[in-house]
């Protein structure tokens, strides 16, 4: 289990490297939700998502000799960019296994940070098998997207900062893919605000965590088809799942249409550009999926904003929502 001191140690490593992203409030949002709401704007983090926190914490913790041999990651885009930048900052070469249909903006950014990109078909090939082969061939260090204690602890610094900057919370709402973000954030919140509820949000088509927590074991689903590519994970992480079992109170789901509505609200009311997965927590509040008492103080992690401008315009303009 990752504990609060692990999150605080990650915060010390990240100090002066990661952005301390702002905590944002909106009277309109709080009125809609019926409670005070504060948003942690991780779309303004380096590389455009919370993923930089965990990637940097992991790579900074390996030996200089291992860093010289290089690091490898597999990701649909946000973790890819984070590992690429963190590796470059720490003097290591990065190889990233990415789906061929990852958003073009994420592929381009990953390469721009200096990483080598190896593409695969997410519907017919096993990215983890490809990654394991390359790790052996190159003696590289794997930087897992969520199933690593150092990655989990790094992601938890988002909630740690939110509480330090905005005060105590009664509810924290977090998007869920593989579970690294919610595992780390739940660790911080449950330690600092013991009575707080932690609620995860998944796309309705990618509800592997909801099913798994209900069953009491990890459930694997078909690769989900959703506009939220950052949350397209078919099964909970081996390490993140038991943390979620212990520290997450509920998982709710939102539709792709509700994700788009949240993106529109973020753009029109908050002046923020959110990717679909990054808007999941906001979508859960706006759609009433998370029950709040009038005196509750809710925090929401806005987890990312990496989206091609044309795709953003297509989604908000009412065009077809490609999955």
C-alpha atoms as a PDB file:
ATOM      1  CA  UNK A   1       0.000   0.000   0.000  1.00  0.00           C
ATOM      2  CA  UNK A   2       1.131   3.537  -0.772  1.00  0.00           C
ATOM      3  CA  UNK A   3       0.896   5.803   2.273  1.00  0.00           C
ATOM      4  CA  UNK A   4       0.790   9.554   2.904  1.00  0.00           C
ATOM      5  CA  UNK A   5       4.546   9.746   3.544  1.00  0.00           C
ATOM      6  CA  UNK A   6       5.160   8.263   0.075  1.00  0.00           C
ATOM      7  CA  UNK A   7       3.040  11.043  -1.418  1.00  0.00           C
ATOM      8  CA  UNK A   8       4.902  13.662   0.610  1.00  0.00           C
ATOM      9  CA  UNK A   9       8.248  12.227  -0.513  1.00  0.00           C
ATOM     10  CA  UNK A  10       7.054  12.519  -4.109  1.00  0.00           C
ATOM     11  CA  UNK A  11       6.053  16.127  -3.472  1.00  0.00           C
ATOM     12  CA  UNK A  12       9.589  16.871  -2.314  1.00  0.00           C
ATOM     13  CA  UNK A  13      11.055  15.369  -5.515  1.00  0.00           C
ATOM     14  CA  UNK A  14       8.604  17.322  -7.660  1.00  0.00           C
ATOM     15  CA  UNK A  15       9.140  20.661  -5.892  1.00  0.00           C
ATOM     16  CA  UNK A  16      10.430  23.219  -8.374  1.00  0.00           C
ATOM     17  CA  UNK A  17       9.976  20.794 -11.297  1.00  0.00           C
ATOM     18  CA  UNK A  18       6.242  20.141 -11.598  1.00  0.00           C
ATOM     19  CA  UNK A  19       3.828  23.059 -11.774  1.00  0.00           C
ATOM     20  CA  UNK A  20       1.765  23.712  -8.678  1.00  0.00           C
ATOM     21  CA  UNK A  21      -1.459  23.892 -10.666  1.00  0.00           C
ATOM     22  CA  UNK A  22      -4.167  26.288  -9.534  1.00  0.00           C
ATOM     23  CA  UNK A  23      -7.264  25.488  -7.504  1.00  0.00           C
ATOM     24  CA  UNK A  24     -10.157  27.125  -9.356  1.00  0.00           C
ATOM     25  CA  UNK A  25     -13.635  28.003  -8.153  1.00  0.00           C
ATOM     26  CA  UNK A  26     -16.778  28.883 -10.101  1.00  0.00           C
ATOM     27  CA  UNK A  27     -19.941  30.333  -8.582  1.00  0.00           C
ATOM     28  CA  UNK A  28     -21.934  28.965 -11.498  1.00  0.00           C
ATOM     29  CA  UNK A  29     -20.590  25.446 -10.971  1.00  0.00           C
ATOM     30  CA  UNK A  30     -21.128  25.545  -7.216  1.00  0.00           C
ATOM     31  CA  UNK A  31     -24.710  26.703  -7.783  1.00  0.00           C
ATOM     32  CA  UNK A  32     -25.296  23.878 -10.278  1.00  0.00           C
ATOM     33  CA  UNK A  33     -23.790  21.312  -7.897  1.00  0.00           C
ATOM     34  CA  UNK A  34     -25.583  22.672  -4.826  1.00  0.00           C
ATOM     35  CA  UNK A  35     -22.312  22.725  -2.859  1.00  0.00           C
ATOM     36  CA  UNK A  36     -18.990  24.528  -2.833  1.00  0.00           C
ATOM     37  CA  UNK A  37     -16.702  23.086  -5.523  1.00  0.00           C
ATOM     38  CA  UNK A  38     -12.981  23.600  -6.083  1.00  0.00           C
ATOM     39  CA  UNK A  39     -11.253  22.323  -9.236  1.00  0.00           C
ATOM     40  CA  UNK A  40      -7.623  21.178  -9.460  1.00  0.00           C
ATOM     41  CA  UNK A  41      -6.547  22.237 -12.948  1.00  0.00           C
ATOM     42  CA  UNK A  42      -4.105  19.471 -13.905  1.00  0.00           C
ATOM     43  CA  UNK A  43      -4.614  20.283 -17.573  1.00  0.00           C
ATOM     44  CA  UNK A  44      -2.198  23.154 -16.784  1.00  0.00           C
ATOM     45  CA  UNK A  45       0.463  20.715 -15.553  1.00  0.00           C
ATOM     46  CA  UNK A  46       3.612  20.176 -17.618  1.00  0.00           C
ATOM     47  CA  UNK A  47       2.739  18.038 -20.679  1.00  0.00           C
ATOM     48  CA  UNK A  48      -0.932  18.929 -20.183  1.00  0.00           C
ATOM     49  CA  UNK A  49      -1.934  16.329 -17.593  1.00  0.00           C
ATOM     50  CA  UNK A  50      -1.321  14.995 -14.081  1.00  0.00           C
ATOM     51  CA  UNK A  51       0.798  12.199 -15.552  1.00  0.00           C
ATOM     52  CA  UNK A  52       4.015  14.224 -15.302  1.00  0.00           C
ATOM     53  CA  UNK A  53       3.890  13.885 -11.513  1.00  0.00           C
ATOM     54  CA  UNK A  54       4.112  10.102 -11.429  1.00  0.00           C
ATOM     55  CA  UNK A  55       6.500   9.771 -14.359  1.00  0.00           C
ATOM     56  CA  UNK A  56       9.026  12.201 -12.910  1.00  0.00           C
ATOM     57  CA  UNK A  57       8.799  10.671  -9.432  1.00  0.00           C
ATOM     58  CA  UNK A  58       9.490   7.211 -10.865  1.00  0.00           C
ATOM     59  CA  UNK A  59      12.378   8.153 -13.162  1.00  0.00           C
ATOM     60  CA  UNK A  60      13.997  10.409 -10.547  1.00  0.00           C
ATOM     61  CA  UNK A  61      14.040   7.429  -8.174  1.00  0.00           C
ATOM     62  CA  UNK A  62      16.017   5.021 -10.385  1.00  0.00           C
ATOM     63  CA  UNK A  63      19.799   4.889 -10.368  1.00  0.00           C
ATOM     64  CA  UNK A  64      21.891   7.046 -12.731  1.00  0.00           C
ATOM     65  CA  UNK A  65      23.196   3.842 -14.338  1.00  0.00           C
ATOM     66  CA  UNK A  66      19.670   2.623 -15.099  1.00  0.00           C
ATOM     67  CA  UNK A  67      18.708   6.041 -16.432  1.00  0.00           C
ATOM     68  CA  UNK A  68      21.636   5.870 -18.845  1.00  0.00           C
ATOM     69  CA  UNK A  69      20.237   2.603 -20.241  1.00  0.00           C
ATOM     70  CA  UNK A  70      16.952   4.331 -20.969  1.00  0.00           C
ATOM     71  CA  UNK A  71      13.329   4.012 -19.929  1.00  0.00           C
ATOM     72  CA  UNK A  72      10.287   2.580 -21.654  1.00  0.00           C
ATOM     73  CA  UNK A  73       6.567   3.184 -21.247  1.00  0.00           C
ATOM     74  CA  UNK A  74       3.293   2.217 -22.904  1.00  0.00           C
ATOM     75  CA  UNK A  75       0.516   4.780 -23.119  1.00  0.00           C
ATOM     76  CA  UNK A  76      -2.324   6.189 -25.203  1.00  0.00           C
ATOM     77  CA  UNK A  77      -0.733   9.605 -24.935  1.00  0.00           C
ATOM     78  CA  UNK A  78      -0.649  11.481 -21.629  1.00  0.00           C
ATOM     79  CA  UNK A  79       1.714   9.114 -19.818  1.00  0.00           C
ATOM     80  CA  UNK A  80       3.755   8.941 -23.021  1.00  0.00           C
ATOM     81  CA  UNK A  81       4.343  12.680 -23.041  1.00  0.00           C
ATOM     82  CA  UNK A  82       5.042  12.721 -19.316  1.00  0.00           C
ATOM     83  CA  UNK A  83       7.682   9.989 -19.517  1.00  0.00           C
ATOM     84  CA  UNK A  84       9.262  11.603 -22.577  1.00  0.00           C
ATOM     85  CA  UNK A  85       9.659  14.969 -20.829  1.00  0.00           C
ATOM     86  CA  UNK A  86      10.699  13.532 -17.462  1.00  0.00           C
ATOM     87  CA  UNK A  87      13.325  11.353 -19.140  1.00  0.00           C
ATOM     88  CA  UNK A  88      14.734  14.292 -21.072  1.00  0.00           C
ATOM     89  CA  UNK A  89      14.951  16.393 -17.896  1.00  0.00           C
ATOM     90  CA  UNK A  90      16.780  13.582 -16.100  1.00  0.00           C
ATOM     91  CA  UNK A  91      19.179  12.724 -18.938  1.00  0.00           C
ATOM     92  CA  UNK A  92      17.572   9.460 -20.015  1.00  0.00           C
ATOM     93  CA  UNK A  93      16.402   8.232 -23.428  1.00  0.00           C
ATOM     94  CA  UNK A  94      12.727   7.230 -23.631  1.00  0.00           C
ATOM     95  CA  UNK A  95      10.970   4.699 -25.856  1.00  0.00           C
ATOM     96  CA  UNK A  96       7.174   4.832 -25.843  1.00  0.00           C
ATOM     97  CA  UNK A  97       4.753   2.158 -27.087  1.00  0.00           C
ATOM     98  CA  UNK A  98       1.641   4.011 -28.297  1.00  0.00           C
ATOM     99  CA  UNK A  99      -1.538   2.977 -30.144  1.00  0.00           C
ATOM    100  CA  UNK A 100      -1.435   3.932 -33.805  1.00  0.00           C
ATOM    101  CA  UNK A 101      -4.793   5.688 -33.424  1.00  0.00           C
ATOM    102  CA  UNK A 102      -3.702   7.841 -30.477  1.00  0.00           C
ATOM    103  CA  UNK A 103      -4.605  11.506 -30.975  1.00  0.00           C
ATOM    104  CA  UNK A 104      -2.178  13.087 -33.396  1.00  0.00           C
ATOM    105  CA  UNK A 105      -1.430  15.917 -30.973  1.00  0.00           C
ATOM    106  CA  UNK A 106      -0.274  13.376 -28.360  1.00  0.00           C
ATOM    107  CA  UNK A 107       1.882  11.442 -30.819  1.00  0.00           C
ATOM    108  CA  UNK A 108       3.496  14.647 -32.063  1.00  0.00           C
ATOM    109  CA  UNK A 109       4.131  15.989 -28.569  1.00  0.00           C
ATOM    110  CA  UNK A 110       5.710  12.726 -27.419  1.00  0.00           C
ATOM    111  CA  UNK A 111       8.139  12.796 -30.309  1.00  0.00           C
ATOM    112  CA  UNK A 112       8.783  16.511 -29.747  1.00  0.00           C
ATOM    113  CA  UNK A 113       9.927  15.760 -26.181  1.00  0.00           C
ATOM    114  CA  UNK A 114      12.597  13.518 -27.707  1.00  0.00           C
ATOM    115  CA  UNK A 115      11.116  10.038 -27.315  1.00  0.00           C
ATOM    116  CA  UNK A 116      11.188   7.199 -29.826  1.00  0.00           C
ATOM    117  CA  UNK A 117       7.605   6.071 -30.539  1.00  0.00           C
ATOM    118  CA  UNK A 118       6.718   2.455 -31.358  1.00  0.00           C
ATOM    119  CA  UNK A 119       3.091   2.146 -32.533  1.00  0.00           C
ATOM    120  CA  UNK A 120       0.675  -0.805 -32.272  1.00  0.00           C
ATOM    121  CA  UNK A 121      -2.991  -1.655 -32.927  1.00  0.00           C
ATOM    122  CA  UNK A 122      -4.822  -1.277 -29.608  1.00  0.00           C
ATOM    123  CA  UNK A 123      -7.630  -3.636 -30.700  1.00  0.00           C
ATOM    124  CA  UNK A 124      -5.496  -6.566 -31.857  1.00  0.00           C
ATOM    125  CA  UNK A 125      -2.059  -6.284 -30.217  1.00  0.00           C
ATOM    126  CA  UNK A 126      -0.921  -6.495 -26.587  1.00  0.00           C
ATOM    127  CA  UNK A 127       0.962  -3.346 -25.651  1.00  0.00           C
ATOM    128  CA  UNK A 128       2.387  -4.876 -22.480  1.00  0.00           C
ATOM    129  CA  UNK A 129       3.853  -7.813 -24.427  1.00  0.00           C
ATOM    130  CA  UNK A 130       5.461  -5.387 -26.885  1.00  0.00           C
ATOM    131  CA  UNK A 131       6.849  -3.340 -24.000  1.00  0.00           C
ATOM    132  CA  UNK A 132       8.269  -6.410 -22.221  1.00  0.00           C
ATOM    133  CA  UNK A 133      10.075  -7.480 -25.395  1.00  0.00           C
ATOM    134  CA  UNK A 134      11.690  -4.067 -25.843  1.00  0.00           C
ATOM    135  CA  UNK A 135      12.662  -3.870 -22.157  1.00  0.00           C
ATOM    136  CA  UNK A 136      14.562  -7.146 -22.494  1.00  0.00           C
ATOM    137  CA  UNK A 137      16.172  -6.190 -25.794  1.00  0.00           C
ATOM    138  CA  UNK A 138      17.408  -2.814 -24.527  1.00  0.00           C
ATOM    139  CA  UNK A 139      17.852  -3.472 -20.772  1.00  0.00           C
ATOM    140  CA  UNK A 140      15.574  -0.481 -20.242  1.00  0.00           C
ATOM    141  CA  UNK A 141      13.578   0.368 -17.114  1.00  0.00           C
ATOM    142  CA  UNK A 142       9.812   0.114 -17.468  1.00  0.00           C
ATOM    143  CA  UNK A 143       7.859   3.140 -16.253  1.00  0.00           C
ATOM    144  CA  UNK A 144       4.364   1.736 -15.849  1.00  0.00           C
ATOM    145  CA  UNK A 145       1.416   4.087 -16.464  1.00  0.00           C
ATOM    146  CA  UNK A 146      -0.240   3.313 -13.126  1.00  0.00           C
ATOM    147  CA  UNK A 147       0.894   0.002 -11.594  1.00  0.00           C
ATOM    148  CA  UNK A 148       3.937   1.314  -9.737  1.00  0.00           C
ATOM    149  CA  UNK A 149       4.081   2.626  -6.144  1.00  0.00           C
ATOM    150  CA  UNK A 150       6.243   5.604  -7.136  1.00  0.00           C
ATOM    151  CA  UNK A 151       3.880   6.530  -9.976  1.00  0.00           C
ATOM    152  CA  UNK A 152       0.866   6.224  -7.663  1.00  0.00           C
ATOM    153  CA  UNK A 153       2.554   8.379  -5.018  1.00  0.00           C
ATOM    154  CA  UNK A 154       3.449  11.011  -7.599  1.00  0.00           C
ATOM    155  CA  UNK A 155      -0.133  11.236  -8.834  1.00  0.00           C
ATOM    156  CA  UNK A 156      -1.319  11.642  -5.252  1.00  0.00           C
ATOM    157  CA  UNK A 157       0.507  14.956  -5.000  1.00  0.00           C
ATOM    158  CA  UNK A 158      -2.332  16.538  -6.992  1.00  0.00           C
ATOM    159  CA  UNK A 159      -4.753  15.930  -4.108  1.00  0.00           C
ATOM    160  CA  UNK A 160      -2.108  16.837  -1.532  1.00  0.00           C
ATOM    161  CA  UNK A 161      -1.655  20.240  -3.158  1.00  0.00           C
ATOM    162  CA  UNK A 162      -5.403  20.752  -3.508  1.00  0.00           C
ATOM    163  CA  UNK A 163      -5.937  20.249   0.218  1.00  0.00           C
ATOM    164  CA  UNK A 164      -2.924  22.397   1.132  1.00  0.00           C
ATOM    165  CA  UNK A 165      -4.074  25.243  -1.116  1.00  0.00           C
ATOM    166  CA  UNK A 166      -7.867  25.078  -0.798  1.00  0.00           C
ATOM    167  CA  UNK A 167      -8.477  23.469   2.592  1.00  0.00           C
ATOM    168  CA  UNK A 168     -10.253  20.328   3.718  1.00  0.00           C
ATOM    169  CA  UNK A 169     -12.689  18.399   1.539  1.00  0.00           C
ATOM    170  CA  UNK A 170     -15.815  16.351   2.134  1.00  0.00           C
ATOM    171  CA  UNK A 171     -15.762  14.746  -1.329  1.00  0.00           C
ATOM    172  CA  UNK A 172     -13.071  14.279  -3.960  1.00  0.00           C
ATOM    173  CA  UNK A 173     -14.111  13.345  -7.516  1.00  0.00           C
ATOM    174  CA  UNK A 174     -11.445  11.763  -9.727  1.00  0.00           C
ATOM    175  CA  UNK A 175     -11.388  10.368 -13.307  1.00  0.00           C
ATOM    176  CA  UNK A 176     -10.462   6.663 -13.428  1.00  0.00           C
ATOM    177  CA  UNK A 177      -8.491   4.840 -16.101  1.00  0.00           C
ATOM    178  CA  UNK A 178      -5.930   2.398 -14.762  1.00  0.00           C
ATOM    179  CA  UNK A 179      -6.384   3.822 -11.293  1.00  0.00           C
ATOM    180  CA  UNK A 180      -3.046   5.475 -10.507  1.00  0.00           C
ATOM    181  CA  UNK A 181      -4.561   8.920 -10.024  1.00  0.00           C
ATOM    182  CA  UNK A 182      -7.430   7.822  -7.816  1.00  0.00           C
ATOM    183  CA  UNK A 183      -5.214   5.472  -5.786  1.00  0.00           C
ATOM    184  CA  UNK A 184      -2.710   8.232  -5.048  1.00  0.00           C
ATOM    185  CA  UNK A 185      -5.312  10.921  -4.448  1.00  0.00           C
ATOM    186  CA  UNK A 186      -7.427   8.666  -2.209  1.00  0.00           C
ATOM    187  CA  UNK A 187      -4.323   7.936  -0.150  1.00  0.00           C
ATOM    188  CA  UNK A 188      -3.733  11.634   0.473  1.00  0.00           C
ATOM    189  CA  UNK A 189      -7.372  12.520   1.070  1.00  0.00           C
ATOM    190  CA  UNK A 190      -8.168   9.666   3.452  1.00  0.00           C
ATOM    191  CA  UNK A 191      -5.096  10.529   5.544  1.00  0.00           C
ATOM    192  CA  UNK A 192      -5.691  14.286   5.677  1.00  0.00           C
ATOM    193  CA  UNK A 193      -9.525  14.372   5.587  1.00  0.00           C
ATOM    194  CA  UNK A 194     -10.543  11.044   7.167  1.00  0.00           C
ATOM    195  CA  UNK A 195     -14.272  11.634   6.804  1.00  0.00           C
ATOM    196  CA  UNK A 196     -14.109  12.547   3.112  1.00  0.00           C
ATOM    197  CA  UNK A 197     -15.624  10.402   0.367  1.00  0.00           C
ATOM    198  CA  UNK A 198     -13.597   9.571  -2.735  1.00  0.00           C
ATOM    199  CA  UNK A 199     -15.638   9.021  -5.901  1.00  0.00           C
ATOM    200  CA  UNK A 200     -14.185   7.747  -9.155  1.00  0.00           C
ATOM    201  CA  UNK A 201     -15.662   8.479 -12.581  1.00  0.00           C
ATOM    202  CA  UNK A 202     -15.461   6.232 -15.644  1.00  0.00           C
ATOM    203  CA  UNK A 203     -16.983   6.446 -19.123  1.00  0.00           C
ATOM    204  CA  UNK A 204     -20.074   4.233 -19.281  1.00  0.00           C
ATOM    205  CA  UNK A 205     -18.398   2.074 -21.936  1.00  0.00           C
ATOM    206  CA  UNK A 206     -15.230   1.669 -19.829  1.00  0.00           C
ATOM    207  CA  UNK A 207     -16.663   0.664 -16.454  1.00  0.00           C
ATOM    208  CA  UNK A 208     -14.110  -2.002 -15.538  1.00  0.00           C
ATOM    209  CA  UNK A 209     -13.483  -0.438 -12.113  1.00  0.00           C
ATOM    210  CA  UNK A 210     -17.164  -0.235 -11.262  1.00  0.00           C
ATOM    211  CA  UNK A 211     -17.674  -3.863 -12.243  1.00  0.00           C
ATOM    212  CA  UNK A 212     -14.525  -4.980 -10.438  1.00  0.00           C
ATOM    213  CA  UNK A 213     -15.338  -3.256  -7.151  1.00  0.00           C
ATOM    214  CA  UNK A 214     -18.838  -4.731  -7.268  1.00  0.00           C
ATOM    215  CA  UNK A 215     -17.446  -8.232  -7.913  1.00  0.00           C
ATOM    216  CA  UNK A 216     -14.618  -7.907  -5.405  1.00  0.00           C
ATOM    217  CA  UNK A 217     -12.042  -8.916  -8.017  1.00  0.00           C
ATOM    218  CA  UNK A 218     -10.448  -7.467 -11.118  1.00  0.00           C
ATOM    219  CA  UNK A 219     -12.725  -7.780 -14.148  1.00  0.00           C
ATOM    220  CA  UNK A 220     -11.419  -7.459 -17.715  1.00  0.00           C
ATOM    221  CA  UNK A 221     -13.670  -6.000 -20.400  1.00  0.00           C
ATOM    222  CA  UNK A 222     -13.154  -5.612 -24.134  1.00  0.00           C
ATOM    223  CA  UNK A 223     -11.078  -2.574 -25.064  1.00  0.00           C
ATOM    224  CA  UNK A 224     -13.719   0.120 -24.535  1.00  0.00           C
ATOM    225  CA  UNK A 225     -14.846   2.386 -27.346  1.00  0.00           C
ATOM    226  CA  UNK A 226     -15.243   5.870 -25.939  1.00  0.00           C
ATOM    227  CA  UNK A 227     -14.159   9.378 -26.863  1.00  0.00           C
ATOM    228  CA  UNK A 228     -12.183   9.439 -23.585  1.00  0.00           C
ATOM    229  CA  UNK A 229      -9.013   7.811 -24.943  1.00  0.00           C
ATOM    230  CA  UNK A 230      -7.129   8.576 -21.706  1.00  0.00           C
ATOM    231  CA  UNK A 231      -9.589   6.319 -19.823  1.00  0.00           C
ATOM    232  CA  UNK A 232      -9.624   3.447 -22.363  1.00  0.00           C
ATOM    233  CA  UNK A 233      -8.293   0.812 -19.973  1.00  0.00           C
ATOM    234  CA  UNK A 234      -9.853  -2.698 -19.990  1.00  0.00           C
ATOM    235  CA  UNK A 235      -9.000  -3.776 -16.428  1.00  0.00           C
ATOM    236  CA  UNK A 236      -7.959  -2.194 -13.121  1.00  0.00           C
ATOM    237  CA  UNK A 237      -4.298  -2.209 -12.198  1.00  0.00           C
ATOM    238  CA  UNK A 238      -2.937  -5.029 -10.090  1.00  0.00           C
ATOM    239  CA  UNK A 239      -1.524  -2.570  -7.526  1.00  0.00           C
ATOM    240  CA  UNK A 240      -4.102   0.188  -7.850  1.00  0.00           C
ATOM    241  CA  UNK A 241      -7.143  -2.051  -7.397  1.00  0.00           C
ATOM    242  CA  UNK A 242      -6.553  -3.071  -3.749  1.00  0.00           C
ATOM    243  CA  UNK A 243      -5.905   0.564  -2.870  1.00  0.00           C
ATOM    244  CA  UNK A 244      -9.212   1.476  -4.504  1.00  0.00           C
ATOM    245  CA  UNK A 245     -10.953  -1.315  -2.606  1.00  0.00           C
ATOM    246  CA  UNK A 246      -9.672   0.131   0.659  1.00  0.00           C
ATOM    247  CA  UNK A 247      -9.957   3.866  -0.014  1.00  0.00           C
ATOM    248  CA  UNK A 248     -12.474   4.586  -2.791  1.00  0.00           C
ATOM    249  CA  UNK A 249     -16.092   4.925  -1.705  1.00  0.00           C
ATOM    250  CA  UNK A 250     -17.899   4.750  -5.046  1.00  0.00           C
ATOM    251  CA  UNK A 251     -17.482   4.623  -8.820  1.00  0.00           C
ATOM    252  CA  UNK A 252     -19.977   6.371 -11.097  1.00  0.00           C
ATOM    253  CA  UNK A 253     -20.178   6.444 -14.881  1.00  0.00           C
ATOM    254  CA  UNK A 254     -20.901   9.155 -17.429  1.00  0.00           C
ATOM    255  CA  UNK A 255     -21.834   8.956 -21.102  1.00  0.00           C
ATOM    256  CA  UNK A 256     -19.767  10.346 -23.954  1.00  0.00           C
ATOM    257  CA  UNK A 257     -22.453  12.995 -24.451  1.00  0.00           C
ATOM    258  CA  UNK A 258     -22.082  14.064 -20.823  1.00  0.00           C
ATOM    259  CA  UNK A 259     -18.319  14.288 -21.270  1.00  0.00           C
ATOM    260  CA  UNK A 260     -18.861  16.644 -24.200  1.00  0.00           C
ATOM    261  CA  UNK A 261     -21.309  18.736 -22.147  1.00  0.00           C
ATOM    262  CA  UNK A 262     -18.659  19.045 -19.438  1.00  0.00           C
ATOM    263  CA  UNK A 263     -16.027  20.040 -21.987  1.00  0.00           C
ATOM    264  CA  UNK A 264     -18.392  22.716 -23.257  1.00  0.00           C
ATOM    265  CA  UNK A 265     -19.040  23.986 -19.714  1.00  0.00           C
ATOM    266  CA  UNK A 266     -15.294  24.081 -19.079  1.00  0.00           C
ATOM    267  CA  UNK A 267     -14.701  26.107 -22.226  1.00  0.00           C
ATOM    268  CA  UNK A 268     -17.636  28.508 -21.929  1.00  0.00           C
ATOM    269  CA  UNK A 269     -17.729  29.046 -18.161  1.00  0.00           C
ATOM    270  CA  UNK A 270     -14.218  28.273 -16.925  1.00  0.00           C
ATOM    271  CA  UNK A 271     -12.232  29.204 -20.063  1.00  0.00           C
ATOM    272  CA  UNK A 272     -10.446  25.844 -19.901  1.00  0.00           C
ATOM    273  CA  UNK A 273      -9.814  23.379 -22.734  1.00  0.00           C
ATOM    274  CA  UNK A 274     -10.422  19.879 -21.363  1.00  0.00           C
ATOM    275  CA  UNK A 275      -9.938  16.577 -23.150  1.00  0.00           C
ATOM    276  CA  UNK A 276     -12.839  14.116 -22.701  1.00  0.00           C
ATOM    277  CA  UNK A 277     -11.159  12.048 -19.987  1.00  0.00           C
ATOM    278  CA  UNK A 278     -10.003  15.179 -18.203  1.00  0.00           C
ATOM    279  CA  UNK A 279     -13.609  16.372 -17.997  1.00  0.00           C
ATOM    280  CA  UNK A 280     -14.967  13.169 -16.413  1.00  0.00           C
ATOM    281  CA  UNK A 281     -15.114  14.468 -12.856  1.00  0.00           C
ATOM    282  CA  UNK A 282     -16.790  17.668 -13.965  1.00  0.00           C
ATOM    283  CA  UNK A 283     -19.273  15.638 -16.023  1.00  0.00           C
ATOM    284  CA  UNK A 284     -20.206  13.595 -12.959  1.00  0.00           C
ATOM    285  CA  UNK A 285     -21.027  16.757 -11.012  1.00  0.00           C
ATOM    286  CA  UNK A 286     -22.957  18.430 -13.820  1.00  0.00           C
ATOM    287  CA  UNK A 287     -25.014  15.296 -14.505  1.00  0.00           C
ATOM    288  CA  UNK A 288     -25.867  14.775 -10.842  1.00  0.00           C
ATOM    289  CA  UNK A 289     -24.041  11.440 -10.596  1.00  0.00           C
ATOM    290  CA  UNK A 290     -22.315  12.504  -7.359  1.00  0.00           C
ATOM    291  CA  UNK A 291     -24.608  13.214  -4.438  1.00  0.00           C
ATOM    292  CA  UNK A 292     -23.600  16.313  -2.491  1.00  0.00           C
ATOM    293  CA  UNK A 293     -25.103  17.758   0.635  1.00  0.00           C
ATOM    294  CA  UNK A 294     -25.529  21.508   0.700  1.00  0.00           C
ATOM    295  CA  UNK A 295     -22.691  21.875   3.196  1.00  0.00           C
ATOM    296  CA  UNK A 296     -20.311  19.525   1.425  1.00  0.00           C
ATOM    297  CA  UNK A 297     -17.058  20.889   0.033  1.00  0.00           C
ATOM    298  CA  UNK A 298     -16.186  19.016  -3.134  1.00  0.00           C
ATOM    299  CA  UNK A 299     -12.882  18.818  -4.982  1.00  0.00           C
ATOM    300  CA  UNK A 300     -12.601  17.699  -8.596  1.00  0.00           C
ATOM    301  CA  UNK A 301      -9.434  16.725 -10.449  1.00  0.00           C
ATOM    302  CA  UNK A 302      -9.478  18.080 -14.016  1.00  0.00           C
ATOM    303  CA  UNK A 303      -6.933  15.558 -15.162  1.00  0.00           C
ATOM    304  CA  UNK A 304      -5.873  16.647 -18.650  1.00  0.00           C
ATOM    305  CA  UNK A 305      -6.302  18.887 -21.657  1.00  0.00           C
ATOM    306  CA  UNK A 306      -4.416  17.252 -24.526  1.00  0.00           C
ATOM    307  CA  UNK A 307      -6.734  17.444 -27.499  1.00  0.00           C
ATOM    308  CA  UNK A 308      -6.282  18.343 -31.139  1.00  0.00           C
ATOM    309  CA  UNK A 309      -7.987  21.707 -31.865  1.00  0.00           C
ATOM    310  CA  UNK A 310      -9.975  20.269 -34.774  1.00  0.00           C
ATOM    311  CA  UNK A 311     -11.193  17.367 -32.645  1.00  0.00           C
ATOM    312  CA  UNK A 312     -12.148  19.772 -29.873  1.00  0.00           C
ATOM    313  CA  UNK A 313     -14.147  21.869 -32.332  1.00  0.00           C
ATOM    314  CA  UNK A 314     -15.764  18.751 -33.810  1.00  0.00           C
ATOM    315  CA  UNK A 315     -16.936  17.510 -30.405  1.00  0.00           C
ATOM    316  CA  UNK A 316     -18.207  20.848 -29.153  1.00  0.00           C
ATOM    317  CA  UNK A 317     -19.700  21.745 -32.495  1.00  0.00           C
ATOM    318  CA  UNK A 318     -22.024  18.774 -32.420  1.00  0.00           C
ATOM    319  CA  UNK A 319     -20.173  16.742 -35.044  1.00  0.00           C
ATOM    320  CA  UNK A 320     -19.999  12.941 -34.892  1.00  0.00           C
ATOM    321  CA  UNK A 321     -18.309  11.671 -31.719  1.00  0.00           C
ATOM    322  CA  UNK A 322     -15.834   9.164 -33.132  1.00  0.00           C
ATOM    323  CA  UNK A 323     -14.977   6.320 -30.780  1.00  0.00           C
END
